[in-house]
Amino acid sequence: QVQVVESGGGVVQAGGSLRLSCAASGDISSLRLAWFRQPPGQEREAVAAIGRNALTEIAYAQSVKGRFTISKDNAKNNLYLQMDSLKPEDTAMYFCAASRPDSPFFGSFSPSTYTYWGQGTQVTVSS
């Protein structure tokens, strides 16, 4: 059982930056991890994912590519999402998700392939 807790959300003006953190209760080195977001009244969507090999297993949604950076620190069991050049359309509840150990990177944008979810942290971008 792995628990994940997000932090770092807040209110920021368009063009600003935020860094989200996700603290896991156990060893994340063998887990596939991802950030999802859910705008008000919309479905949850994948933002970015990172696999066991942080050098070769990274993927971003087209809408955030070049602006967001996902990373992890296996020693601290933390996942991060650096968000730059934020836009009002980035406003959403952001969730951290973790898979079962040794899950393949294939399917990393599908919510159903993740077992552990945090409660979310709200990001609001004002225009």
N, C-alpha and C. Protein backbone atom coordinates (compact mmCIF):
# COMPACT_ATOMS: atom_id res chain seq x y z
N GLN A 1 0.84 -1.19 0.00
CA GLN A 1 0.00 0.00 0.00
C GLN A 1 0.88 1.25 0.00
N VAL A 2 0.62 2.15 -0.91
CA VAL A 2 1.39 3.39 -1.01
C VAL A 2 0.41 4.56 -0.87
N GLN A 3 0.74 5.48 -0.03
CA GLN A 3 -0.04 6.72 0.09
C GLN A 3 0.74 7.85 -0.54
N VAL A 4 0.03 8.70 -1.27
CA VAL A 4 0.66 9.84 -1.90
C VAL A 4 -0.09 11.11 -1.51
N VAL A 5 0.65 12.15 -1.23
CA VAL A 5 0.07 13.41 -0.78
C VAL A 5 0.66 14.55 -1.60
N GLU A 6 -0.22 15.30 -2.25
CA GLU A 6 0.23 16.42 -3.07
C GLU A 6 0.32 17.70 -2.25
N SER A 7 1.18 18.61 -2.72
CA SER A 7 1.27 19.95 -2.13
C SER A 7 1.82 20.90 -3.18
N GLY A 8 1.71 22.19 -2.89
CA GLY A 8 2.31 23.18 -3.77
C GLY A 8 1.35 23.94 -4.66
N GLY A 9 0.08 23.60 -4.60
CA GLY A 9 -0.88 24.33 -5.41
C GLY A 9 -1.10 25.74 -4.87
N GLY A 10 -1.82 26.53 -5.65
CA GLY A 10 -2.09 27.90 -5.22
C GLY A 10 -2.66 28.73 -6.35
N VAL A 11 -2.69 30.02 -6.12
CA VAL A 11 -3.19 30.97 -7.12
C VAL A 11 -2.00 31.72 -7.69
N VAL A 12 -1.95 31.80 -9.01
CA VAL A 12 -0.82 32.46 -9.67
C VAL A 12 -1.35 33.19 -10.90
N GLN A 13 -0.68 34.25 -11.27
CA GLN A 13 -1.08 34.98 -12.48
C GLN A 13 -0.58 34.27 -13.72
N ALA A 14 -1.27 34.49 -14.82
CA ALA A 14 -0.84 33.92 -16.09
C ALA A 14 0.61 34.32 -16.37
N GLY A 15 1.37 33.34 -16.85
CA GLY A 15 2.79 33.55 -17.09
C GLY A 15 3.68 33.17 -15.92
N GLY A 16 3.07 32.93 -14.78
CA GLY A 16 3.84 32.58 -13.59
C GLY A 16 4.18 31.10 -13.53
N SER A 17 4.77 30.73 -12.39
CA SER A 17 5.22 29.35 -12.20
C SER A 17 4.76 28.81 -10.86
N LEU A 18 4.62 27.51 -10.80
CA LEU A 18 4.36 26.78 -9.55
C LEU A 18 5.09 25.45 -9.62
N ARG A 19 5.45 24.94 -8.46
CA ARG A 19 6.07 23.62 -8.39
C ARG A 19 5.24 22.75 -7.47
N LEU A 20 4.66 21.71 -8.02
CA LEU A 20 3.89 20.76 -7.24
C LEU A 20 4.81 19.64 -6.75
N SER A 21 4.51 19.16 -5.56
CA SER A 21 5.25 18.03 -4.99
C SER A 21 4.26 16.94 -4.61
N CYS A 22 4.76 15.71 -4.66
CA CYS A 22 3.96 14.56 -4.25
C CYS A 22 4.85 13.68 -3.39
N ALA A 23 4.49 13.55 -2.13
CA ALA A 23 5.26 12.74 -1.20
C ALA A 23 4.63 11.36 -1.09
N ALA A 24 5.43 10.34 -1.33
CA ALA A 24 4.95 8.96 -1.25
C ALA A 24 5.41 8.32 0.05
N SER A 25 4.59 7.39 0.55
CA SER A 25 4.89 6.76 1.84
C SER A 25 5.87 5.61 1.72
N GLY A 26 6.16 5.16 0.48
CA GLY A 26 7.06 4.04 0.29
C GLY A 26 8.02 4.26 -0.86
N ASP A 27 8.77 3.25 -1.16
CA ASP A 27 9.78 3.29 -2.21
C ASP A 27 9.12 3.48 -3.58
N ILE A 28 9.51 4.54 -4.28
CA ILE A 28 8.91 4.82 -5.58
C ILE A 28 9.76 4.35 -6.75
N SER A 29 10.92 3.80 -6.48
CA SER A 29 11.86 3.50 -7.56
C SER A 29 11.31 2.53 -8.59
N SER A 30 10.38 1.67 -8.22
CA SER A 30 9.84 0.68 -9.15
C SER A 30 8.44 1.04 -9.65
N LEU A 31 8.00 2.23 -9.31
CA LEU A 31 6.64 2.64 -9.66
C LEU A 31 6.62 3.53 -10.90
N ARG A 32 5.53 3.46 -11.64
CA ARG A 32 5.25 4.46 -12.66
C ARG A 32 4.41 5.54 -11.98
N LEU A 33 4.77 6.77 -12.21
CA LEU A 33 4.14 7.90 -11.53
C LEU A 33 3.61 8.89 -12.56
N ALA A 34 2.59 9.61 -12.17
CA ALA A 34 2.02 10.56 -13.12
C ALA A 34 1.30 11.69 -12.39
N TRP A 35 1.13 12.76 -13.12
CA TRP A 35 0.28 13.86 -12.69
C TRP A 35 -0.93 13.90 -13.63
N PHE A 36 -2.09 13.98 -13.03
CA PHE A 36 -3.33 14.18 -13.76
C PHE A 36 -3.95 15.49 -13.28
N ARG A 37 -4.87 16.01 -14.07
CA ARG A 37 -5.60 17.20 -13.62
C ARG A 37 -7.05 17.10 -14.05
N GLN A 38 -7.89 17.78 -13.29
CA GLN A 38 -9.31 17.77 -13.58
C GLN A 38 -9.85 19.19 -13.47
N PRO A 39 -10.06 19.84 -14.63
CA PRO A 39 -10.66 21.18 -14.60
C PRO A 39 -12.11 21.10 -14.14
N PRO A 40 -12.65 22.18 -13.66
CA PRO A 40 -14.05 22.18 -13.20
C PRO A 40 -15.00 21.70 -14.29
N GLY A 41 -15.84 20.73 -13.96
CA GLY A 41 -16.84 20.24 -14.89
C GLY A 41 -16.30 19.39 -16.02
N GLN A 42 -15.03 19.03 -15.95
CA GLN A 42 -14.45 18.23 -17.03
C GLN A 42 -13.89 16.92 -16.48
N GLU A 43 -13.51 16.05 -17.40
CA GLU A 43 -12.95 14.76 -17.00
C GLU A 43 -11.47 14.91 -16.62
N ARG A 44 -11.02 13.94 -15.85
CA ARG A 44 -9.61 13.92 -15.47
C ARG A 44 -8.76 13.61 -16.69
N GLU A 45 -7.65 14.32 -16.82
CA GLU A 45 -6.76 14.12 -17.97
C GLU A 45 -5.31 14.01 -17.50
N ALA A 46 -4.54 13.25 -18.25
CA ALA A 46 -3.13 13.09 -17.91
C ALA A 46 -2.36 14.34 -18.29
N VAL A 47 -1.41 14.69 -17.46
CA VAL A 47 -0.54 15.84 -17.71
C VAL A 47 0.86 15.37 -18.07
N ALA A 48 1.41 14.48 -17.25
CA ALA A 48 2.76 13.97 -17.48
C ALA A 48 2.95 12.68 -16.71
N ALA A 49 3.83 11.84 -17.22
CA ALA A 49 4.12 10.57 -16.57
C ALA A 49 5.61 10.30 -16.62
N ILE A 50 6.07 9.54 -15.61
CA ILE A 50 7.49 9.19 -15.56
C ILE A 50 7.60 7.75 -15.09
N GLY A 51 8.45 6.98 -15.76
CA GLY A 51 8.58 5.57 -15.42
C GLY A 51 9.77 5.31 -14.52
N ARG A 52 10.11 4.02 -14.41
CA ARG A 52 11.25 3.64 -13.57
C ARG A 52 12.54 4.28 -14.08
N ASN A 53 12.69 4.30 -15.40
CA ASN A 53 13.85 4.94 -16.00
C ASN A 53 13.48 6.38 -16.35
N ALA A 54 13.92 7.30 -15.48
CA ALA A 54 13.54 8.70 -15.65
C ALA A 54 14.16 9.34 -16.89
N LEU A 55 15.18 8.69 -17.46
CA LEU A 55 15.82 9.26 -18.64
C LEU A 55 15.08 8.92 -19.92
N THR A 56 14.48 7.74 -19.98
CA THR A 56 13.85 7.29 -21.22
C THR A 56 12.33 7.17 -21.13
N GLU A 57 11.80 7.16 -19.94
CA GLU A 57 10.36 6.96 -19.76
C GLU A 57 9.72 8.22 -19.19
N ILE A 58 9.50 9.18 -20.05
CA ILE A 58 8.83 10.43 -19.69
C ILE A 58 7.90 10.80 -20.83
N ALA A 59 6.70 11.25 -20.48
CA ALA A 59 5.74 11.65 -21.50
C ALA A 59 4.94 12.84 -20.98
N TYR A 60 4.57 13.71 -21.91
CA TYR A 60 3.81 14.90 -21.58
C TYR A 60 2.58 15.01 -22.48
N ALA A 61 1.52 15.55 -21.95
CA ALA A 61 0.38 15.92 -22.77
C ALA A 61 0.82 17.06 -23.70
N GLN A 62 0.27 17.06 -24.89
CA GLN A 62 0.66 18.08 -25.87
C GLN A 62 0.41 19.49 -25.34
N SER A 63 -0.62 19.65 -24.54
CA SER A 63 -1.01 20.97 -24.05
C SER A 63 -0.01 21.57 -23.07
N VAL A 64 0.87 20.74 -22.49
CA VAL A 64 1.82 21.25 -21.51
C VAL A 64 3.27 21.07 -21.94
N LYS A 65 3.49 20.42 -23.06
CA LYS A 65 4.85 20.13 -23.52
C LYS A 65 5.62 21.44 -23.70
N GLY A 66 6.82 21.47 -23.15
CA GLY A 66 7.64 22.67 -23.25
C GLY A 66 7.43 23.66 -22.12
N ARG A 67 6.36 23.47 -21.35
CA ARG A 67 6.06 24.36 -20.22
C ARG A 67 6.18 23.66 -18.88
N PHE A 68 5.83 22.38 -18.82
CA PHE A 68 5.86 21.61 -17.59
C PHE A 68 7.01 20.62 -17.62
N THR A 69 7.56 20.32 -16.44
CA THR A 69 8.62 19.33 -16.32
C THR A 69 8.32 18.40 -15.16
N ILE A 70 8.25 17.11 -15.45
CA ILE A 70 8.05 16.12 -14.40
C ILE A 70 9.40 15.56 -13.99
N SER A 71 9.56 15.31 -12.70
CA SER A 71 10.81 14.73 -12.20
C SER A 71 10.51 13.98 -10.92
N LYS A 72 11.48 13.19 -10.49
CA LYS A 72 11.30 12.45 -9.24
C LYS A 72 12.62 12.34 -8.51
N ASP A 73 12.54 12.13 -7.22
CA ASP A 73 13.71 11.91 -6.38
C ASP A 73 13.48 10.60 -5.65
N ASN A 74 14.09 9.54 -6.14
CA ASN A 74 13.87 8.22 -5.54
C ASN A 74 14.36 8.18 -4.08
N ALA A 75 15.39 8.91 -3.78
CA ALA A 75 15.94 8.89 -2.41
C ALA A 75 14.96 9.48 -1.41
N LYS A 76 14.18 10.47 -1.87
CA LYS A 76 13.22 11.13 -0.98
C LYS A 76 11.80 10.61 -1.19
N ASN A 77 11.61 9.73 -2.18
CA ASN A 77 10.28 9.23 -2.51
C ASN A 77 9.32 10.37 -2.87
N ASN A 78 9.83 11.31 -3.63
CA ASN A 78 9.04 12.46 -4.04
C ASN A 78 8.92 12.55 -5.56
N LEU A 79 7.78 13.01 -6.00
CA LEU A 79 7.50 13.31 -7.40
C LEU A 79 7.24 14.81 -7.49
N TYR A 80 7.67 15.41 -8.59
CA TYR A 80 7.50 16.85 -8.76
C TYR A 80 6.89 17.19 -10.12
N LEU A 81 6.29 18.36 -10.17
CA LEU A 81 5.84 18.90 -11.44
C LEU A 81 6.14 20.40 -11.43
N GLN A 82 7.14 20.79 -12.21
CA GLN A 82 7.46 22.20 -12.37
C GLN A 82 6.61 22.76 -13.49
N MET A 83 5.83 23.76 -13.17
CA MET A 83 4.91 24.34 -14.14
C MET A 83 5.30 25.79 -14.41
N ASP A 84 5.71 26.05 -15.63
CA ASP A 84 6.10 27.41 -16.04
C ASP A 84 5.15 27.93 -17.11
N SER A 85 5.20 29.23 -17.32
CA SER A 85 4.36 29.86 -18.35
C SER A 85 2.90 29.42 -18.22
N LEU A 86 2.41 29.47 -17.01
CA LEU A 86 1.06 28.99 -16.74
C LEU A 86 0.01 29.83 -17.46
N LYS A 87 -1.05 29.13 -17.88
CA LYS A 87 -2.15 29.75 -18.59
C LYS A 87 -3.45 29.55 -17.80
N PRO A 88 -4.44 30.42 -18.00
CA PRO A 88 -5.71 30.22 -17.30
C PRO A 88 -6.30 28.83 -17.54
N GLU A 89 -6.07 28.26 -18.71
CA GLU A 89 -6.61 26.92 -18.98
C GLU A 89 -5.90 25.81 -18.23
N ASP A 90 -4.85 26.14 -17.51
CA ASP A 90 -4.19 25.16 -16.64
C ASP A 90 -4.88 25.05 -15.29
N THR A 91 -5.86 25.90 -15.05
CA THR A 91 -6.61 25.85 -13.79
C THR A 91 -7.30 24.52 -13.64
N ALA A 92 -7.03 23.84 -12.54
CA ALA A 92 -7.58 22.51 -12.31
C ALA A 92 -7.15 22.01 -10.95
N MET A 93 -7.77 20.91 -10.53
CA MET A 93 -7.26 20.15 -9.38
C MET A 93 -6.23 19.18 -9.95
N TYR A 94 -5.05 19.19 -9.38
CA TYR A 94 -3.97 18.34 -9.85
C TYR A 94 -3.78 17.16 -8.90
N PHE A 95 -3.68 15.96 -9.48
CA PHE A 95 -3.57 14.73 -8.71
C PHE A 95 -2.27 14.00 -9.04
N CYS A 96 -1.71 13.43 -8.02
CA CYS A 96 -0.56 12.55 -8.16
C CYS A 96 -1.08 11.11 -8.19
N ALA A 97 -0.50 10.28 -9.06
CA ALA A 97 -0.93 8.89 -9.16
C ALA A 97 0.28 7.98 -9.24
N ALA A 98 0.15 6.80 -8.64
CA ALA A 98 1.24 5.83 -8.65
C ALA A 98 0.68 4.46 -9.04
N SER A 99 1.47 3.75 -9.82
CA SER A 99 1.06 2.42 -10.27
C SER A 99 1.51 1.37 -9.26
N ARG A 100 1.15 0.14 -9.54
CA ARG A 100 1.73 -0.98 -8.80
C ARG A 100 3.19 -1.13 -9.24
N PRO A 101 4.02 -1.78 -8.44
CA PRO A 101 5.42 -1.96 -8.82
C PRO A 101 5.59 -2.65 -10.16
N ASP A 102 6.59 -2.18 -10.91
CA ASP A 102 7.01 -2.81 -12.17
C ASP A 102 5.94 -2.78 -13.25
N SER A 103 5.06 -1.80 -13.19
CA SER A 103 4.07 -1.64 -14.26
C SER A 103 4.77 -1.11 -15.50
N PRO A 104 4.39 -1.58 -16.67
CA PRO A 104 5.02 -1.07 -17.90
C PRO A 104 4.67 0.39 -18.13
N PHE A 105 5.53 1.09 -18.86
CA PHE A 105 5.27 2.49 -19.15
C PHE A 105 4.14 2.65 -20.16
N PHE A 106 3.93 1.62 -20.97
CA PHE A 106 2.83 1.65 -21.93
C PHE A 106 1.52 1.86 -21.18
N GLY A 107 0.71 2.77 -21.66
CA GLY A 107 -0.56 3.04 -20.99
C GLY A 107 -0.47 4.04 -19.86
N SER A 108 0.63 4.77 -19.80
CA SER A 108 0.87 5.64 -18.66
C SER A 108 -0.09 6.82 -18.59
N PHE A 109 -0.83 7.10 -19.66
CA PHE A 109 -1.78 8.20 -19.62
C PHE A 109 -3.20 7.72 -19.31
N SER A 110 -3.37 6.46 -19.04
CA SER A 110 -4.68 5.93 -18.71
C SER A 110 -4.87 5.89 -17.21
N PRO A 111 -5.88 6.60 -16.67
CA PRO A 111 -6.08 6.62 -15.22
C PRO A 111 -6.31 5.23 -14.63
N SER A 112 -6.88 4.32 -15.41
CA SER A 112 -7.21 3.00 -14.88
C SER A 112 -5.98 2.16 -14.58
N THR A 113 -4.82 2.58 -15.08
CA THR A 113 -3.60 1.80 -14.83
C THR A 113 -2.88 2.24 -13.56
N TYR A 114 -3.48 3.17 -12.82
CA TYR A 114 -2.89 3.64 -11.57
C TYR A 114 -3.72 3.16 -10.39
N THR A 115 -3.03 2.72 -9.36
CA THR A 115 -3.68 2.15 -8.18
C THR A 115 -3.82 3.14 -7.04
N TYR A 116 -2.83 4.01 -6.90
CA TYR A 116 -2.77 4.90 -5.74
C TYR A 116 -2.92 6.35 -6.20
N TRP A 117 -3.81 7.06 -5.51
CA TRP A 117 -4.11 8.44 -5.88
C TRP A 117 -4.09 9.33 -4.65
N GLY A 118 -3.65 10.57 -4.85
CA GLY A 118 -3.73 11.54 -3.78
C GLY A 118 -5.06 12.27 -3.79
N GLN A 119 -5.23 13.19 -2.85
CA GLN A 119 -6.48 13.93 -2.74
C GLN A 119 -6.52 15.15 -3.67
N GLY A 120 -5.37 15.53 -4.17
CA GLY A 120 -5.32 16.63 -5.11
C GLY A 120 -4.90 17.94 -4.48
N THR A 121 -4.38 18.82 -5.32
CA THR A 121 -4.02 20.17 -4.90
C THR A 121 -4.51 21.13 -5.99
N GLN A 122 -5.15 22.21 -5.57
CA GLN A 122 -5.79 23.11 -6.52
C GLN A 122 -4.79 24.11 -7.09
N VAL A 123 -4.82 24.25 -8.40
CA VAL A 123 -4.03 25.25 -9.09
C VAL A 123 -4.99 26.18 -9.82
N THR A 124 -4.89 27.46 -9.53
CA THR A 124 -5.73 28.46 -10.17
C THR A 124 -4.84 29.50 -10.84
N VAL A 125 -5.04 29.70 -12.13
CA VAL A 125 -4.25 30.67 -12.88
C VAL A 125 -5.17 31.80 -13.31
N SER A 126 -4.88 32.99 -12.84
CA SER A 126 -5.73 34.14 -13.17
C SER A 126 -5.17 34.87 -14.39
N SER A 127 -6.08 35.43 -15.17
CA SER A 127 -5.66 36.13 -16.40
C SER A 127 -5.37 37.59 -16.12
